[in-house]
Amino acid sequence: MIDAVLTGLTMPTSSGNLTTSTVTLLGHEMGPVLFDTAAWNQRIALTGQLALRNLAPEDVTAILLTHLHWDHCMNFDLFPNARLMIPEAECRRVRDGGLDPATPAYILDLVRDHARAETFSSGEVLPGVHALQTPGHTAGHMAFMVLSGEINVAITGDALATRSDAAAGVPSTVFGDQDSARESAHQLMSRADVIVPGHDSPFQPTPGMPAVVNPFSHTVGEIHGQH
């Protein structure tokens, strides 16, 4: 079962973009797994949505981060029993001084204080969960492919943040290499049946502007009639 417990959005305002990030829950044989943990302003909403699913923060067994931007990687401290799994390439980017306006300089210090922090590269990082290198939005960005029933679900972070990104074939915000960002977006669009983006509702990768896949349903399994 894959469940977008928080659905992200991005909206331009006179003070900059109003941003919230998607947090995705996977029912896994190891126990509940989260992909990204959102921003500080989503902290109460995140624990509240988990409580609605009869989950306490202590129940979460692993957290997989797509990248180290502030709006995707905060709140990991809420989950004391979770393995905190971070892309090695993202850690290397930050260690090497490759900071951008969305990467807090102190993020690696926070991560180092987490008792169960570890890094990963591409491949099967948990049983049935495959990490893909998707550089572009950041140099070390990773996305994830999960098979839900017969459906290939891509949890894309900001490699495809919105449906508009999918229609354009490239993320709207690229701090890394533009050609790499375009290739990453193409890879995800060609491999996935359903995309759970970083700042939008789940959608199916179709030509033009993809339509939201039943925005009134939380779980990808339910959307497709599978449980």
Protein backbone atom coordinates (compact mmCIF):
# COMPACT_ATOMS: atom_id res chain seq x y z
CA MET A 1 0.00 0.00 0.00
CA ILE A 2 1.29 3.43 -0.99
CA ASP A 3 -0.36 6.45 0.57
CA ALA A 4 0.33 10.14 -0.03
CA VAL A 5 -0.26 11.18 3.58
CA LEU A 6 0.57 14.81 2.73
CA THR A 7 0.12 16.20 -0.78
CA GLY A 8 2.51 18.98 -1.66
CA LEU A 9 1.88 22.18 -3.56
CA THR A 10 3.75 25.22 -4.76
CA MET A 11 2.17 28.61 -5.29
CA PRO A 12 3.84 31.90 -6.23
CA THR A 13 3.21 34.85 -3.91
CA SER A 14 4.65 38.36 -3.64
CA SER A 15 6.94 37.04 -0.88
CA GLY A 16 8.19 34.05 -2.84
CA ASN A 17 6.75 30.59 -3.39
CA LEU A 18 4.35 29.13 -0.84
CA THR A 19 5.59 25.55 -0.66
CA THR A 20 4.52 22.36 1.03
CA SER A 21 5.97 18.95 0.18
CA THR A 22 4.50 15.53 -0.40
CA VAL A 23 5.14 12.85 2.21
CA THR A 24 4.49 9.29 1.04
CA LEU A 25 3.84 6.30 3.29
CA LEU A 26 4.63 2.75 2.22
CA GLY A 27 3.19 -0.24 4.02
CA HIS A 28 6.25 -2.49 4.01
CA GLU A 29 7.16 -5.92 5.39
CA MET A 30 9.64 -4.15 7.71
CA GLY A 31 6.95 -1.77 8.97
CA PRO A 32 5.84 1.71 7.87
CA VAL A 33 8.30 3.59 5.63
CA LEU A 34 8.17 7.30 4.82
CA PHE A 35 9.56 9.02 1.74
CA ASP A 36 10.58 12.56 2.69
CA THR A 37 9.43 14.28 5.88
CA ALA A 38 8.42 17.74 4.63
CA ALA A 39 9.05 21.17 6.17
CA TRP A 40 8.67 22.57 9.67
CA ASN A 41 5.31 24.12 8.82
CA GLN A 42 3.94 20.64 8.04
CA ARG A 43 5.04 19.09 11.31
CA ILE A 44 1.66 18.98 13.03
CA ALA A 45 -0.14 17.98 9.85
CA LEU A 46 2.28 15.08 9.34
CA THR A 47 1.79 13.57 12.79
CA GLY A 48 -1.93 14.21 12.55
CA GLN A 49 -2.26 12.37 9.25
CA LEU A 50 -0.28 9.44 10.60
CA ALA A 51 -2.54 9.33 13.66
CA LEU A 52 -5.56 9.11 11.36
CA ARG A 53 -3.95 5.95 10.01
CA ASN A 54 -3.42 4.61 13.55
CA LEU A 55 0.32 5.20 13.35
CA ALA A 56 2.52 6.84 15.95
CA PRO A 57 5.90 8.35 15.04
CA GLU A 58 7.53 5.47 16.93
CA ASP A 59 6.00 3.01 14.44
CA VAL A 60 7.93 4.32 11.44
CA THR A 61 10.84 2.00 10.67
CA ALA A 62 12.64 3.87 7.88
CA ILE A 63 12.78 7.29 6.22
CA LEU A 64 14.05 7.63 2.67
CA LEU A 65 14.97 11.16 1.57
CA THR A 66 14.95 12.25 -2.06
CA HIS A 67 17.27 15.21 -1.37
CA LEU A 68 18.41 17.63 1.31
CA HIS A 69 16.30 20.72 0.58
CA TRP A 70 14.67 22.21 3.66
CA ASP A 71 11.11 21.57 2.47
CA HIS A 72 11.71 17.82 2.06
CA CYS A 73 14.04 16.75 4.85
CA MET A 74 12.93 18.40 8.08
CA ASN A 75 10.91 16.59 10.79
CA PHE A 76 12.98 13.41 10.68
CA ASP A 77 13.61 13.94 14.39
CA LEU A 78 9.98 13.02 15.07
CA PHE A 79 10.72 9.36 14.31
CA PRO A 80 13.06 7.95 16.97
CA ASN A 81 13.06 4.34 15.75
CA ALA A 82 13.47 5.02 12.04
CA ARG A 83 16.55 4.44 9.94
CA LEU A 84 17.29 7.80 8.30
CA MET A 85 18.41 6.95 4.77
CA ILE A 86 20.03 9.73 2.76
CA PRO A 87 21.40 9.72 -0.79
CA GLU A 88 25.18 9.47 -0.63
CA ALA A 89 25.47 11.81 -3.62
CA GLU A 90 23.46 14.46 -1.76
CA CYS A 91 25.68 14.18 1.28
CA ARG A 92 28.70 14.53 -0.97
CA ARG A 93 27.19 17.61 -2.64
CA VAL A 94 26.71 19.32 0.72
CA ARG A 95 30.07 18.19 2.11
CA ASP A 96 31.78 19.60 -0.98
CA GLY A 97 30.12 22.99 -0.49
CA GLY A 98 27.54 22.62 -3.25
CA LEU A 99 24.93 24.56 -1.34
CA ASP A 100 22.02 26.26 -3.06
CA PRO A 101 19.38 28.60 -1.62
CA ALA A 102 17.16 25.67 -0.54
CA THR A 103 19.87 23.69 1.29
CA PRO A 104 20.51 24.67 4.93
CA ALA A 105 24.23 24.78 5.65
CA TYR A 106 23.60 23.03 8.98
CA ILE A 107 21.70 20.05 7.56
CA LEU A 108 24.60 17.59 7.72
CA ASP A 109 25.23 18.51 11.36
CA LEU A 110 21.61 17.65 12.11
CA VAL A 111 21.89 14.38 10.22
CA ARG A 112 25.12 13.37 11.98
CA ASP A 113 23.37 13.70 15.34
CA HIS A 114 20.74 11.15 14.28
CA ALA A 115 21.66 7.82 15.84
CA ARG A 116 20.45 5.76 12.89
CA ALA A 117 21.53 7.86 9.89
CA GLU A 118 22.99 6.03 6.90
CA THR A 119 23.56 6.68 3.21
CA PHE A 120 22.54 4.77 0.11
CA SER A 121 23.28 4.70 -3.59
CA SER A 122 21.15 3.47 -6.50
CA GLY A 123 19.65 -0.01 -6.54
CA GLU A 124 17.38 -1.92 -4.16
CA VAL A 125 17.67 0.02 -0.90
CA LEU A 126 14.86 -1.86 0.87
CA PRO A 127 13.13 -5.03 -0.32
CA GLY A 128 10.99 -3.95 -3.27
CA VAL A 129 12.15 -0.32 -3.15
CA HIS A 130 14.57 0.75 -5.87
CA ALA A 131 16.46 4.04 -5.78
CA LEU A 132 17.21 5.82 -9.06
CA GLN A 133 19.78 8.53 -9.64
CA THR A 134 17.79 11.54 -10.85
CA PRO A 135 20.24 14.46 -10.87
CA GLY A 136 19.23 17.90 -12.03
CA HIS A 137 17.06 19.55 -9.41
CA THR A 138 20.10 18.88 -7.23
CA ALA A 139 23.24 17.04 -8.26
CA GLY A 140 22.57 14.19 -5.83
CA HIS A 141 18.79 13.89 -6.13
CA MET A 142 17.29 10.38 -5.97
CA ALA A 143 13.82 9.05 -6.78
CA PHE A 144 12.25 5.70 -5.93
CA MET A 145 10.34 3.02 -7.81
CA VAL A 146 7.94 0.77 -5.93
CA LEU A 147 5.73 -1.95 -7.37
CA SER A 148 2.21 -1.70 -5.96
CA GLY A 149 0.31 -4.73 -7.21
CA GLU A 150 1.05 -4.53 -10.93
CA ILE A 151 1.56 -0.76 -10.89
CA ASN A 152 4.99 0.86 -11.10
CA VAL A 153 4.85 3.85 -8.79
CA ALA A 154 7.57 6.50 -8.97
CA ILE A 155 8.10 8.66 -5.89
CA THR A 156 9.91 11.48 -7.61
CA GLY A 157 10.60 14.26 -5.13
CA ASP A 158 11.51 17.33 -7.16
CA ALA A 159 12.87 15.46 -10.17
CA LEU A 160 9.21 15.87 -11.18
CA ALA A 161 7.73 18.24 -8.63
CA THR A 162 4.44 18.98 -10.41
CA ARG A 163 2.27 18.01 -13.35
CA SER A 164 3.57 21.13 -15.10
CA ASP A 165 7.08 19.72 -14.82
CA ALA A 166 5.86 16.52 -16.47
CA ALA A 167 4.24 18.46 -19.31
CA ALA A 168 7.42 20.49 -19.83
CA GLY A 169 9.65 17.44 -19.55
CA VAL A 170 11.98 19.13 -17.08
CA PRO A 171 11.75 20.41 -13.48
CA SER A 172 10.83 24.06 -13.18
CA THR A 173 13.65 24.56 -10.66
CA VAL A 174 17.09 23.20 -11.52
CA PHE A 175 20.05 23.87 -9.24
CA GLY A 176 22.22 21.28 -10.97
CA ASP A 177 22.64 20.44 -14.66
CA GLN A 178 19.74 21.22 -17.01
CA ASP A 179 20.41 18.34 -19.41
CA SER A 180 20.63 15.89 -16.51
CA ALA A 181 17.34 17.22 -15.14
CA ARG A 182 15.63 16.66 -18.46
CA GLU A 183 17.02 13.11 -18.74
CA SER A 184 15.91 12.32 -15.18
CA ALA A 185 12.38 13.53 -15.93
CA HIS A 186 12.27 11.44 -19.11
CA GLN A 187 13.48 8.34 -17.25
CA LEU A 188 10.73 8.66 -14.66
CA MET A 189 7.97 9.41 -17.16
CA SER A 190 8.93 6.39 -19.27
CA ARG A 191 9.18 3.90 -16.40
CA ALA A 192 6.23 4.78 -14.15
CA ASP A 193 2.52 4.00 -14.34
CA VAL A 194 1.81 6.49 -11.55
CA ILE A 195 3.94 9.38 -10.35
CA VAL A 196 3.80 10.75 -6.81
CA PRO A 197 5.44 14.16 -7.25
CA GLY A 198 7.13 16.40 -4.71
CA HIS A 199 4.64 19.28 -4.86
CA ASP A 200 1.43 18.04 -6.46
CA SER A 201 -1.16 15.26 -6.42
CA PRO A 202 -0.41 11.82 -7.92
CA PHE A 203 -0.82 11.60 -11.68
CA GLN A 204 -0.40 9.25 -14.61
CA PRO A 205 2.36 10.16 -17.08
CA THR A 206 0.47 11.06 -20.25
CA PRO A 207 1.23 13.45 -23.13
CA GLY A 208 0.40 17.08 -22.46
CA MET A 209 -0.74 18.17 -19.01
CA PRO A 210 -1.34 14.99 -16.97
CA ALA A 211 -4.59 14.75 -15.09
CA VAL A 212 -4.64 14.17 -11.35
CA VAL A 213 -5.38 10.54 -10.54
CA ASN A 214 -8.52 10.70 -8.39
CA PRO A 215 -7.50 13.50 -5.99
CA PHE A 216 -10.21 12.44 -3.54
CA SER A 217 -8.48 9.13 -2.82
CA HIS A 218 -5.36 8.99 -0.66
CA THR A 219 -3.93 5.64 -1.65
CA VAL A 220 -2.56 4.67 -5.02
CA GLY A 221 -3.91 1.17 -4.45
CA GLU A 222 -7.44 2.47 -3.99
CA ILE A 223 -7.13 4.73 -7.02
CA HIS A 224 -6.50 1.68 -9.17
CA GLY A 225 -8.99 -0.60 -7.48
CA GLN A 226 -6.26 -2.56 -5.68
CA HIS A 227 -5.78 -3.00 -1.94
